[in-house]
Each structure stands twice: as structure tokens, then as C-alpha cells.
Amino acid sequence: MPIAKREAVSRLLRFWPVGFALRPVLHKRDLICLNYHRVIDSTPFDDGVISASTAEFERQLQWLRTHVPILNEDEALRMIRGEADPGAPVAVITFDDGYADNYAAACRMAELGVPGIFFIATGFIESGVLPYWDRIARSVKRAAGSAISFRVGDNVYQVRVGETQAVAARNLIHAYRAVDASQQELFLQALEQAAGVQGDADSGRDLFMTWEQLRQFRGMGHGIGAHTHSHPTLSALPVEEQLAEMKQSRDILRRQLGWAPRTLAYPVGTPAAFNSQSKAAAKEAGFEAAFSFYGGRNPRGATDIFDVRRLPVSPDISEAIFQTRITSGVPW
């Protein structure tokens, strides 16, 4: 549905009495999992992982804490397993990857008494590794010309930039994910060379949180979950490699934080990005539940504990749409 039409429907349901009458029918006792990546106003890297500006996030937090009970990790797990019935829709706030700006978000949430679950890709913490999506977006933003063209093996890639930087970055990210794993680093290097970007000019070390910051989260009331180690698309890996990614991230988190994470979020998280083997591997690795990145609402008693669905938050969602989707059951 186009954004303008969604906005109109959201405002109608928000203020029209029938909208209020429909709410108990539409959402019942759903668990609504919201997913953020970054809360920041701008970045020289990938704009696609900015979920909200700092001002937007503040408004969303203030509204959520007033209108919807926010569960911590333990409470969410009990509801996912069908052990608790809140009698009303409830929400969980989650963050993926472990970006540095998540620390400020976590501190503000703690000030307001709002818990969250932060899924950490352990390979990014204090490593200097820059994720592929940020390397791609940086190349697009720094490209001197109006187009980028490069070759990897027999394949030639060409995108136009300028006014369509966001579209160019998204197209290249999708192209990267379709490349064989053995060719992906070559893809990034060829792109950076074509764009005139020195690959190591910007370290990713300061882009992500530190272990010392993450050790504070438990005292703030937040949960920390795993997001694998190197953030691969799991469905593209043999099951033994999927399991290794999950176990490695869980072991590193346990060693660094002093406790083992209970939950996992699948990288990318769309239905094509993980499979039944991923779910079985998550269980074998010791996780109690795993979260995806599509679909949204989780009815009480009918939730797949290894496919807990989440609603992505993004800057194109107005306050009216954000609020109505949560309270009225309008699809995300």
C-alpha cells in the first residue's frame, strides 16, 4: 500500500470510533516485536539501517511506554512459550547488529524504564570490521561520477548514483548477496576501486559498541541476544556452518559478558534468509527462541518460538502509522 494511502487509513483508524471498536478484534493478545537497527540522524555509511532519528525515537518511546506494556526478555520468552497471558497486546523492543548509537538508545530506554533486547553480531564488536552493507553504501556516497561500473569474474555491475544513492546502494547490496560467498570480498574490492574508495580508509572499530558498554546492559534491564558472528545469510550456508556461526557468537557473548544469551536473531531475517535447518541449528546451539524480520505480529499460543516475527521500524513511518499499526492491527 502506498505511504500516502497508509497514512490516510492510519489516521482514520486512529480517530474514527469504528477504529477503536475494531482494535480488540484485530490485535487480541498479540506480541508485537519492534525492530530497530540504528537511531541516528545521519551517517556516511548505509542510510538503510537508520530506523529513526533521535527525535523520532524519543517520541516513539514516550508513546509506547504510555500506551503499550513493554516486556523484558524473560517476560517475552514466557509469552512466546504460551506460559503467560497479558490479556492485551504487548510489545518487545529489539535492536540488531550492535551499532555504537545503540548505547545511547539503551541508556535513554533505561531512564524511562523501557527494557529491550539487543542482538549482537559478535564479529563487529571491537574488531574494525566494516559490514558489507556499510562498505557498499560508503562507496556509492563517495563515488565521484554519476555511475559506477565494475567487473567480478564474468559479471559486470553498473549502477547510477547522484540523486539515487539510496537506490544504488540497495541494488548493490542485493547483488552482493546473490554472489557466491567465495567472490563476495572480490565484489567489495572491485566496487571500492571503481568508486575511488580506499578500502581501509575508515575503520569500523568506532561504528559499533564496546564490550564494556555491553556489560552495562544487564544492569539497565536489557537483554542481550546473539546475531551470529559474521552476519551471513544463513540459508546460503550448509547446516554445519550455520550451527558454527550461532555457537561462536553464543560462546563469545558468554565469555565476554559472563552469561549465555537466551535468544537469537537471524541475519537479514526474511523468509528466504533462513530455513528449517537454521531453526534446528538455533535450538541445538542452546537458544530458547529465535527472531526473524518480517510478518510482525505473534498471536499468543500460536507463535513459532524459532520464528518470532518482528516489525521493522523505518524513518518513512509517520507517527500516525506507527501508532495505528500497533494499536489497531493494521498490517505493517
C-alpha atoms as a PDB file:
ATOM      1  CA  MET A   1       0.000   0.000   0.000  1.00  0.00           C
ATOM      2  CA  PRO A   2       1.443   3.440  -0.927  1.00  0.00           C
ATOM      3  CA  ILE A   3       2.598   5.523   2.034  1.00  0.00           C
ATOM      4  CA  ALA A   4       0.012   8.262   1.401  1.00  0.00           C
ATOM      5  CA  LYS A   5      -2.832   5.735   1.450  1.00  0.00           C
ATOM      6  CA  ARG A   6      -1.431   4.011   4.544  1.00  0.00           C
ATOM      7  CA  GLU A   7      -1.245   7.396   6.249  1.00  0.00           C
ATOM      8  CA  ALA A   8      -4.905   8.096   5.445  1.00  0.00           C
ATOM      9  CA  VAL A   9      -6.046   4.683   6.709  1.00  0.00           C
ATOM     10  CA  SER A  10      -3.941   5.054   9.849  1.00  0.00           C
ATOM     11  CA  ARG A  11      -5.394   8.453  10.663  1.00  0.00           C
ATOM     12  CA  LEU A  12      -8.912   7.158  10.037  1.00  0.00           C
ATOM     13  CA  LEU A  13      -8.463   4.207  12.387  1.00  0.00           C
ATOM     14  CA  ARG A  14      -6.684   6.390  14.890  1.00  0.00           C
ATOM     15  CA  PHE A  15      -9.532   8.852  15.307  1.00  0.00           C
ATOM     16  CA  TRP A  16     -12.681   7.183  13.953  1.00  0.00           C
ATOM     17  CA  PRO A  17     -14.797   5.377  16.616  1.00  0.00           C
ATOM     18  CA  VAL A  18     -15.051   2.249  14.455  1.00  0.00           C
ATOM     19  CA  GLY A  19     -11.269   2.032  14.560  1.00  0.00           C
ATOM     20  CA  PHE A  20     -11.354   1.828  18.328  1.00  0.00           C
ATOM     21  CA  ALA A  21     -14.155  -0.758  18.185  1.00  0.00           C
ATOM     22  CA  LEU A  22     -12.113  -2.950  15.855  1.00  0.00           C
ATOM     23  CA  ARG A  23      -8.970  -2.964  17.979  1.00  0.00           C
ATOM     24  CA  PRO A  24      -9.863  -5.857  20.320  1.00  0.00           C
ATOM     25  CA  VAL A  25     -10.873  -7.980  17.311  1.00  0.00           C
ATOM     26  CA  LEU A  26      -7.791  -7.200  15.272  1.00  0.00           C
ATOM     27  CA  HIS A  27      -4.963  -7.487  17.737  1.00  0.00           C
ATOM     28  CA  LYS A  28      -6.380  -9.696  20.525  1.00  0.00           C
ATOM     29  CA  ARG A  29      -3.412 -10.744  22.672  1.00  0.00           C
ATOM     30  CA  ASP A  30      -0.643 -10.327  20.132  1.00  0.00           C
ATOM     31  CA  LEU A  31       3.027  -9.973  20.967  1.00  0.00           C
ATOM     32  CA  ILE A  32       4.283  -7.108  18.810  1.00  0.00           C
ATOM     33  CA  CYS A  33       8.054  -7.152  18.294  1.00  0.00           C
ATOM     34  CA  LEU A  34       9.532  -3.895  17.040  1.00  0.00           C
ATOM     35  CA  ASN A  35      12.935  -3.983  15.396  1.00  0.00           C
ATOM     36  CA  TYR A  36      15.437  -1.148  15.157  1.00  0.00           C
ATOM     37  CA  HIS A  37      18.973  -1.080  13.790  1.00  0.00           C
ATOM     38  CA  ARG A  38      20.299   2.447  14.218  1.00  0.00           C
ATOM     39  CA  VAL A  39      18.957   5.543  15.963  1.00  0.00           C
ATOM     40  CA  ILE A  40      20.945   8.400  14.467  1.00  0.00           C
ATOM     41  CA  ASP A  41      20.325  11.499  12.395  1.00  0.00           C
ATOM     42  CA  SER A  42      22.813  10.833   9.579  1.00  0.00           C
ATOM     43  CA  THR A  43      25.724   8.578   8.630  1.00  0.00           C
ATOM     44  CA  PRO A  44      28.479   8.384   5.999  1.00  0.00           C
ATOM     45  CA  PHE A  45      27.594   4.706   5.728  1.00  0.00           C
ATOM     46  CA  ASP A  46      24.318   2.894   4.992  1.00  0.00           C
ATOM     47  CA  ASP A  47      21.192   5.015   5.414  1.00  0.00           C
ATOM     48  CA  GLY A  48      19.133   1.847   5.005  1.00  0.00           C
ATOM     49  CA  VAL A  49      19.851   0.740   8.570  1.00  0.00           C
ATOM     50  CA  ILE A  50      18.702   4.016  10.130  1.00  0.00           C
ATOM     51  CA  SER A  51      15.434   3.129  11.818  1.00  0.00           C
ATOM     52  CA  ALA A  52      14.676   6.518  13.356  1.00  0.00           C
ATOM     53  CA  SER A  53      16.269   9.845  14.149  1.00  0.00           C
ATOM     54  CA  THR A  54      16.983  10.569  17.794  1.00  0.00           C
ATOM     55  CA  ALA A  55      13.919  12.833  17.969  1.00  0.00           C
ATOM     56  CA  GLU A  56      11.663  10.243  16.314  1.00  0.00           C
ATOM     57  CA  PHE A  57      12.896   7.526  18.650  1.00  0.00           C
ATOM     58  CA  GLU A  58      12.188   9.713  21.677  1.00  0.00           C
ATOM     59  CA  ARG A  59       8.618  10.322  20.513  1.00  0.00           C
ATOM     60  CA  GLN A  60       8.096   6.620  19.837  1.00  0.00           C
ATOM     61  CA  LEU A  61       9.434   5.633  23.256  1.00  0.00           C
ATOM     62  CA  GLN A  62       7.258   8.168  25.046  1.00  0.00           C
ATOM     63  CA  TRP A  63       4.170   6.957  23.213  1.00  0.00           C
ATOM     64  CA  LEU A  64       4.947   3.251  23.697  1.00  0.00           C
ATOM     65  CA  ARG A  65       5.542   3.485  27.440  1.00  0.00           C
ATOM     66  CA  THR A  66       2.178   5.239  27.826  1.00  0.00           C
ATOM     67  CA  HIS A  67       0.039   3.028  25.582  1.00  0.00           C
ATOM     68  CA  VAL A  68       1.542  -0.480  25.384  1.00  0.00           C
ATOM     69  CA  PRO A  69       3.124  -2.698  28.062  1.00  0.00           C
ATOM     70  CA  ILE A  70       6.775  -3.315  27.092  1.00  0.00           C
ATOM     71  CA  LEU A  71       8.113  -6.745  28.019  1.00  0.00           C
ATOM     72  CA  ASN A  72      11.652  -7.594  29.021  1.00  0.00           C
ATOM     73  CA  GLU A  73      13.383 -10.652  27.587  1.00  0.00           C
ATOM     74  CA  ASP A  74      12.213 -13.049  30.288  1.00  0.00           C
ATOM     75  CA  GLU A  75       8.604 -11.873  30.026  1.00  0.00           C
ATOM     76  CA  ALA A  76       8.726 -12.111  26.244  1.00  0.00           C
ATOM     77  CA  LEU A  77      10.027 -15.686  26.378  1.00  0.00           C
ATOM     78  CA  ARG A  78       7.253 -16.699  28.751  1.00  0.00           C
ATOM     79  CA  MET A  79       4.634 -15.292  26.380  1.00  0.00           C
ATOM     80  CA  ILE A  80       6.290 -16.846  23.310  1.00  0.00           C
ATOM     81  CA  ARG A  81       6.104 -20.231  25.043  1.00  0.00           C
ATOM     82  CA  GLY A  82       2.431 -19.627  25.885  1.00  0.00           C
ATOM     83  CA  GLU A  83       3.107 -19.528  29.631  1.00  0.00           C
ATOM     84  CA  ALA A  84       1.736 -16.018  30.183  1.00  0.00           C
ATOM     85  CA  ASP A  85      -1.429 -14.243  29.106  1.00  0.00           C
ATOM     86  CA  PRO A  86      -1.228 -10.466  29.458  1.00  0.00           C
ATOM     87  CA  GLY A  87      -4.851 -10.063  28.380  1.00  0.00           C
ATOM     88  CA  ALA A  88      -3.921  -7.298  25.955  1.00  0.00           C
ATOM     89  CA  PRO A  89      -1.423  -6.598  23.178  1.00  0.00           C
ATOM     90  CA  VAL A  90       2.134  -6.194  24.455  1.00  0.00           C
ATOM     91  CA  ALA A  91       5.368  -5.165  22.768  1.00  0.00           C
ATOM     92  CA  VAL A  92       9.066  -6.001  22.744  1.00  0.00           C
ATOM     93  CA  ILE A  93      11.693  -3.547  21.514  1.00  0.00           C
ATOM     94  CA  THR A  94      14.679  -5.125  19.765  1.00  0.00           C
ATOM     95  CA  PHE A  95      17.852  -3.826  18.132  1.00  0.00           C
ATOM     96  CA  ASP A  96      20.102  -5.666  15.664  1.00  0.00           C
ATOM     97  CA  ASP A  97      23.847  -5.604  14.944  1.00  0.00           C
ATOM     98  CA  GLY A  98      25.329  -3.636  17.870  1.00  0.00           C
ATOM     99  CA  TYR A  99      25.942  -0.189  16.374  1.00  0.00           C
ATOM    100  CA  ALA A 100      27.543   2.402  18.678  1.00  0.00           C
ATOM    101  CA  ASP A 101      24.443   4.609  18.735  1.00  0.00           C
ATOM    102  CA  ASN A 102      22.545   1.722  20.329  1.00  0.00           C
ATOM    103  CA  TYR A 103      24.308   2.535  23.588  1.00  0.00           C
ATOM    104  CA  ALA A 104      22.695   5.984  23.805  1.00  0.00           C
ATOM    105  CA  ALA A 105      19.343   4.423  22.907  1.00  0.00           C
ATOM    106  CA  ALA A 106      19.789   1.782  25.624  1.00  0.00           C
ATOM    107  CA  CYS A 107      20.641   4.440  28.215  1.00  0.00           C
ATOM    108  CA  ARG A 108      17.595   6.529  27.317  1.00  0.00           C
ATOM    109  CA  MET A 109      15.359   3.467  27.439  1.00  0.00           C
ATOM    110  CA  ALA A 110      16.713   2.642  30.904  1.00  0.00           C
ATOM    111  CA  GLU A 111      15.987   6.192  32.084  1.00  0.00           C
ATOM    112  CA  LEU A 112      12.361   5.714  31.012  1.00  0.00           C
ATOM    113  CA  GLY A 113      12.108   2.199  32.449  1.00  0.00           C
ATOM    114  CA  VAL A 114      11.725   0.633  28.997  1.00  0.00           C
ATOM    115  CA  PRO A 115      13.516  -2.716  28.509  1.00  0.00           C
ATOM    116  CA  GLY A 116      14.834  -4.034  25.213  1.00  0.00           C
ATOM    117  CA  ILE A 117      16.678  -6.948  23.629  1.00  0.00           C
ATOM    118  CA  PHE A 118      19.879  -6.115  21.739  1.00  0.00           C
ATOM    119  CA  PHE A 119      21.073  -8.731  19.222  1.00  0.00           C
ATOM    120  CA  ILE A 120      24.835  -8.522  18.756  1.00  0.00           C
ATOM    121  CA  ALA A 121      26.867  -9.646  15.749  1.00  0.00           C
ATOM    122  CA  THR A 122      29.980 -10.530  17.733  1.00  0.00           C
ATOM    123  CA  GLY A 123      32.341 -10.259  14.761  1.00  0.00           C
ATOM    124  CA  PHE A 124      31.714  -6.492  14.611  1.00  0.00           C
ATOM    125  CA  ILE A 125      32.479  -5.613  18.249  1.00  0.00           C
ATOM    126  CA  GLU A 126      35.927  -4.021  18.671  1.00  0.00           C
ATOM    127  CA  SER A 127      37.142  -5.749  15.503  1.00  0.00           C
ATOM    128  CA  GLY A 128      37.358  -2.903  13.000  1.00  0.00           C
ATOM    129  CA  VAL A 129      35.318  -4.964  10.535  1.00  0.00           C
ATOM    130  CA  LEU A 130      33.037  -2.840   8.407  1.00  0.00           C
ATOM    131  CA  PRO A 131      29.859  -4.711   7.346  1.00  0.00           C
ATOM    132  CA  TYR A 132      29.354  -5.234   3.632  1.00  0.00           C
ATOM    133  CA  TRP A 133      26.254  -3.031   3.501  1.00  0.00           C
ATOM    134  CA  ASP A 134      28.179  -0.114   5.029  1.00  0.00           C
ATOM    135  CA  ARG A 135      31.143  -0.659   2.684  1.00  0.00           C
ATOM    136  CA  ILE A 136      28.766  -0.638  -0.280  1.00  0.00           C
ATOM    137  CA  ALA A 137      26.887   2.478   0.831  1.00  0.00           C
ATOM    138  CA  ARG A 138      30.148   4.300   1.573  1.00  0.00           C
ATOM    139  CA  SER A 139      31.382   3.556  -1.948  1.00  0.00           C
ATOM    140  CA  VAL A 140      28.159   4.832  -3.501  1.00  0.00           C
ATOM    141  CA  LYS A 141      28.226   8.028  -1.429  1.00  0.00           C
ATOM    142  CA  ARG A 142      31.862   8.761  -2.247  1.00  0.00           C
ATOM    143  CA  ALA A 143      31.769   7.923  -5.954  1.00  0.00           C
ATOM    144  CA  ALA A 144      32.980  10.878  -7.988  1.00  0.00           C
ATOM    145  CA  GLY A 145      30.989  10.206 -11.152  1.00  0.00           C
ATOM    146  CA  SER A 146      27.318   9.702 -11.918  1.00  0.00           C
ATOM    147  CA  ALA A 147      27.740   5.933 -12.363  1.00  0.00           C
ATOM    148  CA  ILE A 148      29.803   3.050 -11.030  1.00  0.00           C
ATOM    149  CA  SER A 149      30.797   0.129 -13.231  1.00  0.00           C
ATOM    150  CA  PHE A 150      32.951  -2.849 -12.260  1.00  0.00           C
ATOM    151  CA  ARG A 151      33.507  -6.484 -13.138  1.00  0.00           C
ATOM    152  CA  VAL A 152      33.697  -9.587 -10.940  1.00  0.00           C
ATOM    153  CA  GLY A 153      34.564 -12.658 -12.980  1.00  0.00           C
ATOM    154  CA  ASP A 154      32.206 -12.804 -15.939  1.00  0.00           C
ATOM    155  CA  ASN A 155      29.668 -10.441 -14.374  1.00  0.00           C
ATOM    156  CA  VAL A 156      29.579  -6.696 -14.973  1.00  0.00           C
ATOM    157  CA  TYR A 157      27.768  -4.473 -12.469  1.00  0.00           C
ATOM    158  CA  GLN A 158      26.696  -0.934 -13.199  1.00  0.00           C
ATOM    159  CA  VAL A 159      24.590   1.484 -11.159  1.00  0.00           C
ATOM    160  CA  ARG A 160      23.767   5.162 -11.443  1.00  0.00           C
ATOM    161  CA  VAL A 161      24.350   7.312  -8.367  1.00  0.00           C
ATOM    162  CA  GLY A 162      23.848  11.017  -7.695  1.00  0.00           C
ATOM    163  CA  GLU A 163      20.201  11.624  -6.877  1.00  0.00           C
ATOM    164  CA  THR A 164      19.550   7.894  -6.491  1.00  0.00           C
ATOM    165  CA  GLN A 165      22.253   6.982  -3.966  1.00  0.00           C
ATOM    166  CA  ALA A 166      19.869   5.052  -1.733  1.00  0.00           C
ATOM    167  CA  VAL A 167      18.502   3.038  -4.653  1.00  0.00           C
ATOM    168  CA  ALA A 168      22.004   2.366  -5.994  1.00  0.00           C
ATOM    169  CA  ALA A 169      23.175   1.137  -2.587  1.00  0.00           C
ATOM    170  CA  ARG A 170      20.169  -1.151  -2.178  1.00  0.00           C
ATOM    171  CA  ASN A 171      20.648  -2.620  -5.665  1.00  0.00           C
ATOM    172  CA  LEU A 172      24.305  -3.329  -4.990  1.00  0.00           C
ATOM    173  CA  ILE A 173      23.533  -4.867  -1.601  1.00  0.00           C
ATOM    174  CA  HIS A 174      21.066  -7.240  -3.255  1.00  0.00           C
ATOM    175  CA  ALA A 175      23.632  -8.025  -5.953  1.00  0.00           C
ATOM    176  CA  TYR A 176      26.284  -8.745  -3.313  1.00  0.00           C
ATOM    177  CA  ARG A 177      24.007 -11.207  -1.528  1.00  0.00           C
ATOM    178  CA  ALA A 178      23.462 -13.084  -4.786  1.00  0.00           C
ATOM    179  CA  VAL A 179      27.210 -13.536  -5.362  1.00  0.00           C
ATOM    180  CA  ASP A 180      28.878 -16.780  -4.344  1.00  0.00           C
ATOM    181  CA  ALA A 181      30.498 -16.443  -0.924  1.00  0.00           C
ATOM    182  CA  SER A 182      33.952 -17.047  -2.415  1.00  0.00           C
ATOM    183  CA  GLN A 183      33.518 -13.980  -4.654  1.00  0.00           C
ATOM    184  CA  GLN A 184      31.952 -11.544  -2.204  1.00  0.00           C
ATOM    185  CA  GLU A 185      35.156  -9.910  -0.970  1.00  0.00           C
ATOM    186  CA  LEU A 186      36.275  -9.509  -4.577  1.00  0.00           C
ATOM    187  CA  PHE A 187      32.930  -7.829  -5.287  1.00  0.00           C
ATOM    188  CA  LEU A 188      33.517  -5.300  -2.489  1.00  0.00           C
ATOM    189  CA  GLN A 189      37.101  -4.598  -3.514  1.00  0.00           C
ATOM    190  CA  ALA A 190      36.144  -4.107  -7.173  1.00  0.00           C
ATOM    191  CA  LEU A 191      33.334  -1.750  -6.164  1.00  0.00           C
ATOM    192  CA  GLU A 192      35.599   0.275  -3.894  1.00  0.00           C
ATOM    193  CA  GLN A 193      38.234   0.563  -6.582  1.00  0.00           C
ATOM    194  CA  ALA A 194      35.661   1.666  -9.167  1.00  0.00           C
ATOM    195  CA  ALA A 195      34.274   4.256  -6.748  1.00  0.00           C
ATOM    196  CA  GLY A 196      37.721   5.529  -5.832  1.00  0.00           C
ATOM    197  CA  VAL A 197      37.381   4.487  -2.208  1.00  0.00           C
ATOM    198  CA  GLN A 198      40.354   3.168  -0.285  1.00  0.00           C
ATOM    199  CA  GLY A 199      39.016   0.048   1.394  1.00  0.00           C
ATOM    200  CA  ASP A 200      40.564   0.622   4.806  1.00  0.00           C
ATOM    201  CA  ALA A 201      40.228   4.407   4.889  1.00  0.00           C
ATOM    202  CA  ASP A 202      37.516   4.220   7.565  1.00  0.00           C
ATOM    203  CA  SER A 203      37.725   1.583  10.264  1.00  0.00           C
ATOM    204  CA  GLY A 204      34.556   0.034  11.550  1.00  0.00           C
ATOM    205  CA  ARG A 205      36.013  -0.069  15.051  1.00  0.00           C
ATOM    206  CA  ASP A 206      34.154   3.035  16.261  1.00  0.00           C
ATOM    207  CA  LEU A 207      30.983   2.120  14.395  1.00  0.00           C
ATOM    208  CA  PHE A 208      29.984  -0.494  16.968  1.00  0.00           C
ATOM    209  CA  MET A 209      29.655  -0.688  20.726  1.00  0.00           C
ATOM    210  CA  THR A 210      32.408  -1.892  23.016  1.00  0.00           C
ATOM    211  CA  TRP A 211      32.321  -4.922  25.289  1.00  0.00           C
ATOM    212  CA  GLU A 212      32.496  -2.612  28.295  1.00  0.00           C
ATOM    213  CA  GLN A 213      29.346  -0.836  27.143  1.00  0.00           C
ATOM    214  CA  LEU A 214      27.564  -4.138  26.552  1.00  0.00           C
ATOM    215  CA  ARG A 215      28.439  -5.355  30.052  1.00  0.00           C
ATOM    216  CA  GLN A 216      26.334  -2.499  31.418  1.00  0.00           C
ATOM    217  CA  PHE A 217      23.152  -3.577  29.648  1.00  0.00           C
ATOM    218  CA  ARG A 218      22.040  -6.176  32.158  1.00  0.00           C
ATOM    219  CA  GLY A 219      22.105  -3.580  34.921  1.00  0.00           C
ATOM    220  CA  MET A 220      19.937  -1.342  32.737  1.00  0.00           C
ATOM    221  CA  GLY A 221      17.304  -4.077  32.483  1.00  0.00           C
ATOM    222  CA  HIS A 222      18.071  -5.042  28.889  1.00  0.00           C
ATOM    223  CA  GLY A 223      18.609  -8.474  27.405  1.00  0.00           C
ATOM    224  CA  ILE A 224      21.429  -9.288  25.008  1.00  0.00           C
ATOM    225  CA  GLY A 225      20.939 -11.883  22.300  1.00  0.00           C
ATOM    226  CA  ALA A 226      23.125 -13.276  19.534  1.00  0.00           C
ATOM    227  CA  HIS A 227      23.031 -12.210  15.892  1.00  0.00           C
ATOM    228  CA  THR A 228      25.583 -14.802  14.703  1.00  0.00           C
ATOM    229  CA  HIS A 229      29.283 -13.945  14.449  1.00  0.00           C
ATOM    230  CA  SER A 230      29.885 -12.661  10.910  1.00  0.00           C
ATOM    231  CA  HIS A 231      26.264 -11.861   9.946  1.00  0.00           C
ATOM    232  CA  PRO A 232      25.922 -14.286   6.987  1.00  0.00           C
ATOM    233  CA  THR A 233      22.742 -15.147   5.137  1.00  0.00           C
ATOM    234  CA  LEU A 234      22.205 -18.440   6.922  1.00  0.00           C
ATOM    235  CA  SER A 235      20.157 -20.152   4.228  1.00  0.00           C
ATOM    236  CA  ALA A 236      23.172 -19.905   1.887  1.00  0.00           C
ATOM    237  CA  LEU A 237      25.322 -21.964   4.280  1.00  0.00           C
ATOM    238  CA  PRO A 238      25.473 -25.696   4.976  1.00  0.00           C
ATOM    239  CA  VAL A 239      23.807 -26.540   8.254  1.00  0.00           C
ATOM    240  CA  GLU A 240      27.132 -27.222   9.990  1.00  0.00           C
ATOM    241  CA  GLU A 241      28.329 -23.696   9.140  1.00  0.00           C
ATOM    242  CA  GLN A 242      25.052 -22.213  10.326  1.00  0.00           C
ATOM    243  CA  LEU A 243      25.473 -24.016  13.625  1.00  0.00           C
ATOM    244  CA  ALA A 244      29.104 -22.894  13.917  1.00  0.00           C
ATOM    245  CA  GLU A 245      28.105 -19.239  13.382  1.00  0.00           C
ATOM    246  CA  MET A 246      25.482 -19.486  16.122  1.00  0.00           C
ATOM    247  CA  LYS A 247      27.670 -21.341  18.595  1.00  0.00           C
ATOM    248  CA  GLN A 248      30.603 -18.997  18.041  1.00  0.00           C
ATOM    249  CA  SER A 249      28.516 -15.910  18.737  1.00  0.00           C
ATOM    250  CA  ARG A 250      26.934 -17.509  21.810  1.00  0.00           C
ATOM    251  CA  ASP A 251      30.306 -18.612  23.184  1.00  0.00           C
ATOM    252  CA  ILE A 252      31.885 -15.182  22.650  1.00  0.00           C
ATOM    253  CA  LEU A 253      28.979 -13.418  24.341  1.00  0.00           C
ATOM    254  CA  ARG A 254      29.125 -15.814  27.287  1.00  0.00           C
ATOM    255  CA  ARG A 255      32.865 -15.287  27.648  1.00  0.00           C
ATOM    256  CA  GLN A 256      32.733 -11.507  27.321  1.00  0.00           C
ATOM    257  CA  LEU A 257      29.581 -10.822  29.339  1.00  0.00           C
ATOM    258  CA  GLY A 258      29.594 -13.601  31.906  1.00  0.00           C
ATOM    259  CA  TRP A 259      26.254 -15.096  30.885  1.00  0.00           C
ATOM    260  CA  ALA A 260      24.984 -17.039  27.887  1.00  0.00           C
ATOM    261  CA  PRO A 261      22.445 -15.346  25.605  1.00  0.00           C
ATOM    262  CA  ARG A 262      18.999 -16.956  25.528  1.00  0.00           C
ATOM    263  CA  THR A 263      17.788 -15.565  22.202  1.00  0.00           C
ATOM    264  CA  LEU A 264      18.990 -15.245  18.609  1.00  0.00           C
ATOM    265  CA  ALA A 265      18.029 -13.015  15.678  1.00  0.00           C
ATOM    266  CA  TYR A 266      18.607 -14.367  12.172  1.00  0.00           C
ATOM    267  CA  PRO A 267      20.725 -12.021   9.989  1.00  0.00           C
ATOM    268  CA  VAL A 268      18.599 -10.361   7.274  1.00  0.00           C
ATOM    269  CA  GLY A 269      15.695 -12.348   8.730  1.00  0.00           C
ATOM    270  CA  THR A 270      13.419 -12.538   5.699  1.00  0.00           C
ATOM    271  CA  PRO A 271      11.770 -15.899   4.907  1.00  0.00           C
ATOM    272  CA  ALA A 272      14.445 -16.603   2.277  1.00  0.00           C
ATOM    273  CA  ALA A 273      17.336 -15.777   4.627  1.00  0.00           C
ATOM    274  CA  PHE A 274      16.871 -18.723   6.991  1.00  0.00           C
ATOM    275  CA  ASN A 275      15.286 -22.163   6.760  1.00  0.00           C
ATOM    276  CA  SER A 276      14.222 -25.194   8.767  1.00  0.00           C
ATOM    277  CA  GLN A 277      17.880 -26.114   9.210  1.00  0.00           C
ATOM    278  CA  SER A 278      18.520 -22.672  10.699  1.00  0.00           C
ATOM    279  CA  LYS A 279      15.720 -23.202  13.209  1.00  0.00           C
ATOM    280  CA  ALA A 280      17.029 -26.627  14.161  1.00  0.00           C
ATOM    281  CA  ALA A 281      20.562 -25.216  14.494  1.00  0.00           C
ATOM    282  CA  ALA A 282      19.339 -22.420  16.755  1.00  0.00           C
ATOM    283  CA  LYS A 283      17.768 -24.973  19.062  1.00  0.00           C
ATOM    284  CA  GLU A 284      20.875 -27.167  19.023  1.00  0.00           C
ATOM    285  CA  ALA A 285      23.091 -24.163  19.771  1.00  0.00           C
ATOM    286  CA  GLY A 286      21.194 -23.645  23.014  1.00  0.00           C
ATOM    287  CA  PHE A 287      18.868 -20.757  22.212  1.00  0.00           C
ATOM    288  CA  GLU A 288      15.373 -20.681  23.676  1.00  0.00           C
ATOM    289  CA  ALA A 289      13.888 -18.623  20.833  1.00  0.00           C
ATOM    290  CA  ALA A 290      14.911 -17.038  17.535  1.00  0.00           C
ATOM    291  CA  PHE A 291      13.585 -13.877  15.885  1.00  0.00           C
ATOM    292  CA  SER A 292      13.023 -13.182  12.188  1.00  0.00           C
ATOM    293  CA  PHE A 293      12.471  -9.868  10.388  1.00  0.00           C
ATOM    294  CA  TYR A 294       9.108  -9.970   8.649  1.00  0.00           C
ATOM    295  CA  GLY A 295       5.432 -10.502   9.276  1.00  0.00           C
ATOM    296  CA  GLY A 296       5.140  -8.694  12.545  1.00  0.00           C
ATOM    297  CA  ARG A 297       2.555  -9.913  14.989  1.00  0.00           C
ATOM    298  CA  ASN A 298       2.749 -13.045  17.139  1.00  0.00           C
ATOM    299  CA  PRO A 299      -0.586 -14.389  18.437  1.00  0.00           C
ATOM    300  CA  ARG A 300      -0.475 -15.872  21.902  1.00  0.00           C
ATOM    301  CA  GLY A 301      -0.335 -19.666  21.752  1.00  0.00           C
ATOM    302  CA  ALA A 302       0.331 -19.711  18.002  1.00  0.00           C
ATOM    303  CA  THR A 303       3.910 -18.466  17.772  1.00  0.00           C
ATOM    304  CA  ASP A 304       6.755 -20.498  16.330  1.00  0.00           C
ATOM    305  CA  ILE A 305       9.419 -19.982  19.009  1.00  0.00           C
ATOM    306  CA  PHE A 306      12.154 -20.233  16.375  1.00  0.00           C
ATOM    307  CA  ASP A 307      10.441 -17.762  14.040  1.00  0.00           C
ATOM    308  CA  VAL A 308       9.262 -14.928  16.271  1.00  0.00           C
ATOM    309  CA  ARG A 309       8.203 -12.247  13.832  1.00  0.00           C
ATOM    310  CA  ARG A 310       9.207  -8.613  14.069  1.00  0.00           C
ATOM    311  CA  LEU A 311       8.010  -5.317  12.636  1.00  0.00           C
ATOM    312  CA  PRO A 312      10.775  -3.205  11.089  1.00  0.00           C
ATOM    313  CA  VAL A 313      10.769   0.447  12.112  1.00  0.00           C
ATOM    314  CA  SER A 314      11.933   2.910   9.459  1.00  0.00           C
ATOM    315  CA  PRO A 315      12.025   6.706   9.004  1.00  0.00           C
ATOM    316  CA  ASP A 316       9.230   6.678   6.402  1.00  0.00           C
ATOM    317  CA  ILE A 317       6.747   5.578   9.069  1.00  0.00           C
ATOM    318  CA  SER A 318       4.853   8.594  10.393  1.00  0.00           C
ATOM    319  CA  GLU A 319       3.629   8.846  13.978  1.00  0.00           C
ATOM    320  CA  ALA A 320       0.078   8.060  12.850  1.00  0.00           C
ATOM    321  CA  ILE A 321       1.134   4.903  11.001  1.00  0.00           C
ATOM    322  CA  PHE A 322       3.475   3.799  13.818  1.00  0.00           C
ATOM    323  CA  GLN A 323       0.785   4.132  16.475  1.00  0.00           C
ATOM    324  CA  THR A 324      -2.106   2.707  14.484  1.00  0.00           C
ATOM    325  CA  ARG A 325      -0.240  -0.367  13.330  1.00  0.00           C
ATOM    326  CA  ILE A 326       0.471  -1.256  16.929  1.00  0.00           C
ATOM    327  CA  THR A 327      -2.935  -0.499  18.449  1.00  0.00           C
ATOM    328  CA  SER A 328      -5.319  -1.412  15.620  1.00  0.00           C
ATOM    329  CA  GLY A 329      -3.736  -4.382  13.886  1.00  0.00           C
ATOM    330  CA  VAL A 330      -3.274  -2.647  10.534  1.00  0.00           C
ATOM    331  CA  PRO A 331      -0.627  -4.694   8.674  1.00  0.00           C
ATOM    332  CA  TRP A 332       2.899  -3.321   8.775  1.00  0.00           C
END
